[in-house]
Amino acid sequence: MLTALAYGLAVVLDLFVIFIGLRFLLVPGPAAAGYGVPADAKGDAAAYLTVKGLRDFSYGVLGLALLAFAGAEAGAWFMLVVALNPLFDTVIVLRHGGPKAVAYGIHFATAVVVLISAALLFAV
């Protein structure tokens, strides 16, 4: 039961990050607004939004690959390290005047869930 929960949560989180990455690649303006720091999807900002999309997409794919080919412990270490992204996203949103509800309710909460996923994978 714990194994299914640990892997299930990790897979859902990885798929969600892939979705976020694709959203930044396909509809960067609305994705940036949802992130908490709106950005114009034209001009120089477009490059940064593309980088964010590719970063998130590749992290999701890497997480799935680690779970599939290296197992729970590798997935746990990955989740532990990758939890830094939403933690720093919290800081970025706050430093740039974004909504506190987004900073804490989305980014910080995501970091907590990712850390729980890491703990569950370590426990398997």
N, C-alpha and C. Protein backbone atom coordinates (compact mmCIF):
# COMPACT_ATOMS: atom_id res chain seq x y z
N MET A 1 0.83 -1.20 0.00
CA MET A 1 0.00 0.00 0.00
C MET A 1 0.87 1.26 0.00
N LEU A 2 1.91 1.29 0.85
CA LEU A 2 2.79 2.45 0.91
C LEU A 2 3.54 2.63 -0.40
N THR A 3 3.95 1.53 -0.99
CA THR A 3 4.67 1.60 -2.26
C THR A 3 3.80 2.21 -3.35
N ALA A 4 2.55 1.78 -3.43
CA ALA A 4 1.63 2.34 -4.43
C ALA A 4 1.39 3.82 -4.19
N LEU A 5 1.23 4.20 -2.94
CA LEU A 5 1.02 5.61 -2.60
C LEU A 5 2.25 6.44 -2.95
N ALA A 6 3.42 5.94 -2.58
CA ALA A 6 4.66 6.68 -2.84
C ALA A 6 4.89 6.87 -4.33
N TYR A 7 4.79 5.79 -5.08
CA TYR A 7 4.99 5.89 -6.52
C TYR A 7 3.87 6.70 -7.18
N GLY A 8 2.64 6.48 -6.74
CA GLY A 8 1.51 7.20 -7.32
C GLY A 8 1.63 8.71 -7.16
N LEU A 9 1.97 9.16 -5.95
CA LEU A 9 2.13 10.60 -5.72
C LEU A 9 3.28 11.15 -6.55
N ALA A 10 4.38 10.44 -6.61
CA ALA A 10 5.54 10.90 -7.39
C ALA A 10 5.20 10.99 -8.87
N VAL A 11 4.49 10.00 -9.40
CA VAL A 11 4.11 10.02 -10.82
C VAL A 11 3.16 11.19 -11.10
N VAL A 12 2.20 11.40 -10.23
CA VAL A 12 1.26 12.52 -10.42
C VAL A 12 2.00 13.85 -10.40
N LEU A 13 2.93 14.01 -9.46
CA LEU A 13 3.71 15.25 -9.40
C LEU A 13 4.55 15.43 -10.65
N ASP A 14 5.19 14.37 -11.11
CA ASP A 14 6.00 14.47 -12.33
C ASP A 14 5.14 14.82 -13.54
N LEU A 15 3.99 14.20 -13.65
CA LEU A 15 3.09 14.52 -14.77
C LEU A 15 2.58 15.95 -14.68
N PHE A 16 2.34 16.42 -13.48
CA PHE A 16 1.89 17.79 -13.29
C PHE A 16 2.97 18.78 -13.72
N VAL A 17 4.23 18.49 -13.40
CA VAL A 17 5.32 19.36 -13.81
C VAL A 17 5.47 19.35 -15.33
N ILE A 18 5.27 18.21 -15.95
CA ILE A 18 5.29 18.15 -17.41
C ILE A 18 4.19 19.05 -17.98
N PHE A 19 3.00 18.97 -17.40
CA PHE A 19 1.88 19.82 -17.83
C PHE A 19 2.24 21.30 -17.69
N ILE A 20 2.82 21.68 -16.56
CA ILE A 20 3.20 23.08 -16.35
C ILE A 20 4.23 23.51 -17.40
N GLY A 21 5.20 22.65 -17.66
CA GLY A 21 6.20 22.97 -18.67
C GLY A 21 5.57 23.17 -20.04
N LEU A 22 4.67 22.28 -20.41
CA LEU A 22 3.99 22.41 -21.70
C LEU A 22 3.15 23.68 -21.75
N ARG A 23 2.54 24.02 -20.64
CA ARG A 23 1.73 25.25 -20.59
C ARG A 23 2.61 26.48 -20.84
N PHE A 24 3.78 26.53 -20.24
CA PHE A 24 4.69 27.64 -20.47
C PHE A 24 5.18 27.68 -21.91
N LEU A 25 5.31 26.53 -22.53
CA LEU A 25 5.74 26.50 -23.93
C LEU A 25 4.63 26.87 -24.90
N LEU A 26 3.40 26.48 -24.59
CA LEU A 26 2.29 26.67 -25.52
C LEU A 26 1.50 27.96 -25.30
N VAL A 27 1.30 28.34 -24.05
CA VAL A 27 0.56 29.57 -23.72
C VAL A 27 1.31 30.32 -22.62
N PRO A 28 2.46 30.89 -22.97
CA PRO A 28 3.34 31.47 -21.96
C PRO A 28 2.75 32.62 -21.15
N GLY A 29 1.97 33.48 -21.77
CA GLY A 29 1.40 34.62 -21.05
C GLY A 29 0.50 34.20 -19.90
N PRO A 30 -0.53 33.39 -20.18
CA PRO A 30 -1.39 32.91 -19.09
C PRO A 30 -0.63 32.05 -18.06
N ALA A 31 0.35 31.29 -18.53
CA ALA A 31 1.13 30.47 -17.60
C ALA A 31 1.91 31.35 -16.63
N ALA A 32 2.50 32.43 -17.14
CA ALA A 32 3.25 33.35 -16.27
C ALA A 32 2.33 34.02 -15.27
N ALA A 33 1.14 34.40 -15.71
CA ALA A 33 0.17 35.01 -14.79
C ALA A 33 -0.21 34.02 -13.69
N GLY A 34 -0.43 32.77 -14.06
CA GLY A 34 -0.75 31.75 -13.07
C GLY A 34 0.39 31.47 -12.12
N TYR A 35 1.62 31.66 -12.59
CA TYR A 35 2.82 31.49 -11.76
C TYR A 35 2.85 32.52 -10.64
N GLY A 36 2.29 33.70 -10.92
CA GLY A 36 2.26 34.75 -9.90
C GLY A 36 3.04 35.99 -10.27
N VAL A 37 3.76 35.94 -11.38
CA VAL A 37 4.51 37.09 -11.87
C VAL A 37 4.22 37.21 -13.36
N PRO A 38 3.21 37.99 -13.73
CA PRO A 38 2.86 38.11 -15.15
C PRO A 38 4.05 38.62 -15.97
N ALA A 39 4.12 38.14 -17.20
CA ALA A 39 5.19 38.56 -18.11
C ALA A 39 4.62 38.64 -19.51
N ASP A 40 5.10 39.58 -20.26
CA ASP A 40 4.69 39.71 -21.66
C ASP A 40 5.33 38.57 -22.45
N ALA A 41 4.51 37.81 -23.11
CA ALA A 41 5.02 36.64 -23.84
C ALA A 41 5.70 37.03 -25.14
N LYS A 42 5.85 38.32 -25.39
CA LYS A 42 6.53 38.79 -26.59
C LYS A 42 7.86 39.42 -26.16
N GLY A 43 8.74 39.61 -27.10
CA GLY A 43 10.01 40.27 -26.80
C GLY A 43 10.94 39.38 -26.00
N ASP A 44 11.76 40.03 -25.17
CA ASP A 44 12.78 39.30 -24.40
C ASP A 44 12.19 38.32 -23.40
N ALA A 45 11.04 38.63 -22.84
CA ALA A 45 10.44 37.75 -21.84
C ALA A 45 10.11 36.38 -22.42
N ALA A 46 9.85 36.32 -23.71
CA ALA A 46 9.50 35.05 -24.33
C ALA A 46 10.60 34.00 -24.13
N ALA A 47 11.85 34.43 -24.21
CA ALA A 47 12.96 33.49 -24.01
C ALA A 47 12.95 32.93 -22.60
N TYR A 48 12.72 33.77 -21.61
CA TYR A 48 12.71 33.30 -20.22
C TYR A 48 11.53 32.37 -19.95
N LEU A 49 10.39 32.67 -20.55
CA LEU A 49 9.23 31.80 -20.37
C LEU A 49 9.46 30.44 -21.03
N THR A 50 10.16 30.44 -22.16
CA THR A 50 10.50 29.18 -22.82
C THR A 50 11.47 28.37 -21.96
N VAL A 51 12.45 29.03 -21.39
CA VAL A 51 13.40 28.35 -20.50
C VAL A 51 12.65 27.72 -19.33
N LYS A 52 11.72 28.45 -18.73
CA LYS A 52 10.94 27.91 -17.61
C LYS A 52 10.15 26.69 -18.07
N GLY A 53 9.54 26.78 -19.25
CA GLY A 53 8.78 25.65 -19.76
C GLY A 53 9.63 24.42 -19.99
N LEU A 54 10.79 24.62 -20.60
CA LEU A 54 11.69 23.49 -20.86
C LEU A 54 12.25 22.91 -19.56
N ARG A 55 12.55 23.78 -18.59
CA ARG A 55 13.06 23.31 -17.29
C ARG A 55 12.03 22.41 -16.63
N ASP A 56 10.80 22.89 -16.55
CA ASP A 56 9.77 22.11 -15.88
C ASP A 56 9.48 20.81 -16.64
N PHE A 57 9.35 20.90 -17.95
CA PHE A 57 9.08 19.70 -18.75
C PHE A 57 10.17 18.65 -18.54
N SER A 58 11.43 19.07 -18.62
CA SER A 58 12.52 18.09 -18.49
C SER A 58 12.61 17.53 -17.08
N TYR A 59 12.30 18.33 -16.05
CA TYR A 59 12.28 17.79 -14.69
C TYR A 59 11.21 16.72 -14.54
N GLY A 60 10.06 16.94 -15.14
CA GLY A 60 9.00 15.93 -15.06
C GLY A 60 9.39 14.64 -15.75
N VAL A 61 9.97 14.74 -16.92
CA VAL A 61 10.42 13.55 -17.65
C VAL A 61 11.53 12.84 -16.88
N LEU A 62 12.48 13.60 -16.35
CA LEU A 62 13.56 13.00 -15.57
C LEU A 62 13.02 12.27 -14.34
N GLY A 63 12.06 12.88 -13.65
CA GLY A 63 11.47 12.23 -12.48
C GLY A 63 10.83 10.91 -12.83
N LEU A 64 10.08 10.88 -13.94
CA LEU A 64 9.46 9.63 -14.38
C LEU A 64 10.51 8.58 -14.75
N ALA A 65 11.56 9.02 -15.44
CA ALA A 65 12.62 8.09 -15.84
C ALA A 65 13.32 7.50 -14.62
N LEU A 66 13.59 8.32 -13.64
CA LEU A 66 14.24 7.81 -12.42
C LEU A 66 13.37 6.78 -11.72
N LEU A 67 12.08 7.07 -11.61
CA LEU A 67 11.18 6.12 -10.96
C LEU A 67 11.12 4.80 -11.73
N ALA A 68 11.08 4.91 -13.06
CA ALA A 68 10.94 3.71 -13.89
C ALA A 68 12.22 2.88 -13.96
N PHE A 69 13.35 3.54 -14.02
CA PHE A 69 14.59 2.82 -14.31
C PHE A 69 15.59 2.74 -13.15
N ALA A 70 15.43 3.61 -12.15
CA ALA A 70 16.39 3.59 -11.04
C ALA A 70 15.74 3.28 -9.69
N GLY A 71 14.42 3.42 -9.59
CA GLY A 71 13.73 3.01 -8.39
C GLY A 71 13.41 4.13 -7.41
N ALA A 72 12.86 3.71 -6.28
CA ALA A 72 12.32 4.63 -5.29
C ALA A 72 13.38 5.52 -4.66
N GLU A 73 14.55 4.96 -4.35
CA GLU A 73 15.56 5.78 -3.67
C GLU A 73 16.06 6.91 -4.57
N ALA A 74 16.32 6.60 -5.83
CA ALA A 74 16.74 7.65 -6.76
C ALA A 74 15.63 8.68 -6.94
N GLY A 75 14.38 8.22 -7.04
CA GLY A 75 13.25 9.13 -7.14
C GLY A 75 13.12 10.01 -5.91
N ALA A 76 13.39 9.44 -4.75
CA ALA A 76 13.31 10.20 -3.50
C ALA A 76 14.36 11.31 -3.46
N TRP A 77 15.59 10.98 -3.83
CA TRP A 77 16.64 12.00 -3.86
C TRP A 77 16.31 13.09 -4.86
N PHE A 78 15.78 12.69 -6.01
CA PHE A 78 15.37 13.66 -7.01
C PHE A 78 14.31 14.59 -6.44
N MET A 79 13.27 14.03 -5.83
CA MET A 79 12.20 14.85 -5.25
C MET A 79 12.74 15.79 -4.17
N LEU A 80 13.65 15.28 -3.37
CA LEU A 80 14.23 16.12 -2.31
C LEU A 80 14.94 17.33 -2.91
N VAL A 81 15.72 17.11 -3.94
CA VAL A 81 16.46 18.20 -4.58
C VAL A 81 15.52 19.11 -5.35
N VAL A 82 14.60 18.54 -6.09
CA VAL A 82 13.72 19.34 -6.94
C VAL A 82 12.72 20.17 -6.12
N ALA A 83 12.55 19.85 -4.86
CA ALA A 83 11.69 20.66 -3.98
C ALA A 83 12.24 22.08 -3.84
N LEU A 84 13.52 22.26 -4.15
CA LEU A 84 14.09 23.61 -4.11
C LEU A 84 13.41 24.54 -5.12
N ASN A 85 12.98 24.00 -6.25
CA ASN A 85 12.34 24.84 -7.27
C ASN A 85 11.10 25.55 -6.74
N PRO A 86 10.10 24.85 -6.21
CA PRO A 86 8.94 25.59 -5.72
C PRO A 86 9.26 26.45 -4.49
N LEU A 87 10.26 26.04 -3.69
CA LEU A 87 10.65 26.91 -2.57
C LEU A 87 11.18 28.24 -3.07
N PHE A 88 12.05 28.20 -4.06
CA PHE A 88 12.58 29.44 -4.63
C PHE A 88 11.53 30.16 -5.46
N ASP A 89 10.60 29.42 -6.07
CA ASP A 89 9.50 30.08 -6.77
C ASP A 89 8.68 30.92 -5.79
N THR A 90 8.51 30.43 -4.56
CA THR A 90 7.82 31.20 -3.52
C THR A 90 8.51 32.53 -3.31
N VAL A 91 9.82 32.48 -3.16
CA VAL A 91 10.61 33.70 -2.93
C VAL A 91 10.52 34.64 -4.13
N ILE A 92 10.60 34.09 -5.32
CA ILE A 92 10.55 34.91 -6.54
C ILE A 92 9.23 35.65 -6.63
N VAL A 93 8.13 34.94 -6.40
CA VAL A 93 6.82 35.59 -6.48
C VAL A 93 6.71 36.70 -5.43
N LEU A 94 7.15 36.43 -4.21
CA LEU A 94 7.08 37.45 -3.15
C LEU A 94 7.98 38.65 -3.46
N ARG A 95 9.19 38.41 -3.95
CA ARG A 95 10.13 39.50 -4.24
C ARG A 95 9.66 40.38 -5.39
N HIS A 96 8.84 39.84 -6.25
CA HIS A 96 8.39 40.60 -7.41
C HIS A 96 6.95 41.08 -7.28
N GLY A 97 6.46 41.12 -6.05
CA GLY A 97 5.15 41.70 -5.77
C GLY A 97 3.97 40.85 -6.18
N GLY A 98 4.20 39.57 -6.39
CA GLY A 98 3.09 38.68 -6.74
C GLY A 98 2.21 38.42 -5.53
N PRO A 99 1.05 37.85 -5.78
CA PRO A 99 0.10 37.58 -4.69
C PRO A 99 0.66 36.59 -3.66
N LYS A 100 0.50 36.92 -2.40
CA LYS A 100 0.95 36.01 -1.34
C LYS A 100 0.18 34.69 -1.39
N ALA A 101 -1.07 34.75 -1.80
CA ALA A 101 -1.87 33.53 -1.91
C ALA A 101 -1.25 32.57 -2.92
N VAL A 102 -0.72 33.10 -4.01
CA VAL A 102 -0.07 32.25 -5.01
C VAL A 102 1.27 31.76 -4.48
N ALA A 103 2.03 32.66 -3.86
CA ALA A 103 3.35 32.28 -3.35
C ALA A 103 3.24 31.14 -2.34
N TYR A 104 2.34 31.30 -1.38
CA TYR A 104 2.23 30.28 -0.34
C TYR A 104 1.27 29.15 -0.71
N GLY A 105 0.14 29.51 -1.32
CA GLY A 105 -0.90 28.53 -1.61
C GLY A 105 -0.56 27.61 -2.76
N ILE A 106 0.29 28.08 -3.67
CA ILE A 106 0.68 27.23 -4.80
C ILE A 106 2.12 26.76 -4.64
N HIS A 107 3.06 27.69 -4.62
CA HIS A 107 4.47 27.31 -4.66
C HIS A 107 4.95 26.66 -3.35
N PHE A 108 4.68 27.30 -2.22
CA PHE A 108 5.14 26.72 -0.96
C PHE A 108 4.42 25.40 -0.68
N ALA A 109 3.12 25.38 -0.95
CA ALA A 109 2.36 24.13 -0.75
C ALA A 109 2.89 23.02 -1.65
N THR A 110 3.26 23.37 -2.87
CA THR A 110 3.85 22.38 -3.77
C THR A 110 5.15 21.83 -3.20
N ALA A 111 5.98 22.72 -2.66
CA ALA A 111 7.24 22.26 -2.06
C ALA A 111 6.98 21.28 -0.94
N VAL A 112 5.98 21.54 -0.12
CA VAL A 112 5.64 20.64 0.98
C VAL A 112 5.20 19.28 0.44
N VAL A 113 4.35 19.29 -0.58
CA VAL A 113 3.87 18.02 -1.15
C VAL A 113 5.03 17.24 -1.78
N VAL A 114 5.94 17.94 -2.45
CA VAL A 114 7.10 17.28 -3.05
C VAL A 114 7.99 16.67 -1.95
N LEU A 115 8.15 17.37 -0.85
CA LEU A 115 8.92 16.82 0.28
C LEU A 115 8.23 15.61 0.89
N ILE A 116 6.92 15.65 0.96
CA ILE A 116 6.17 14.47 1.44
C ILE A 116 6.38 13.30 0.47
N SER A 117 6.36 13.59 -0.82
CA SER A 117 6.62 12.54 -1.81
C SER A 117 8.01 11.95 -1.62
N ALA A 118 9.00 12.79 -1.39
CA ALA A 118 10.35 12.29 -1.14
C ALA A 118 10.39 11.39 0.09
N ALA A 119 9.73 11.82 1.16
CA ALA A 119 9.72 11.02 2.39
C ALA A 119 9.05 9.66 2.15
N LEU A 120 7.95 9.66 1.41
CA LEU A 120 7.28 8.38 1.11
C LEU A 120 8.17 7.47 0.27
N LEU A 121 8.85 8.04 -0.71
CA LEU A 121 9.75 7.21 -1.53
C LEU A 121 10.92 6.67 -0.72
N PHE A 122 11.45 7.47 0.20
CA PHE A 122 12.53 6.98 1.06
C PHE A 122 12.03 5.85 1.96
N ALA A 123 10.76 5.89 2.34
CA ALA A 123 10.20 4.89 3.24
C ALA A 123 9.92 3.55 2.55
N VAL A 124 9.88 3.56 1.22
CA VAL A 124 9.57 2.33 0.48
C VAL A 124 10.77 1.40 0.49
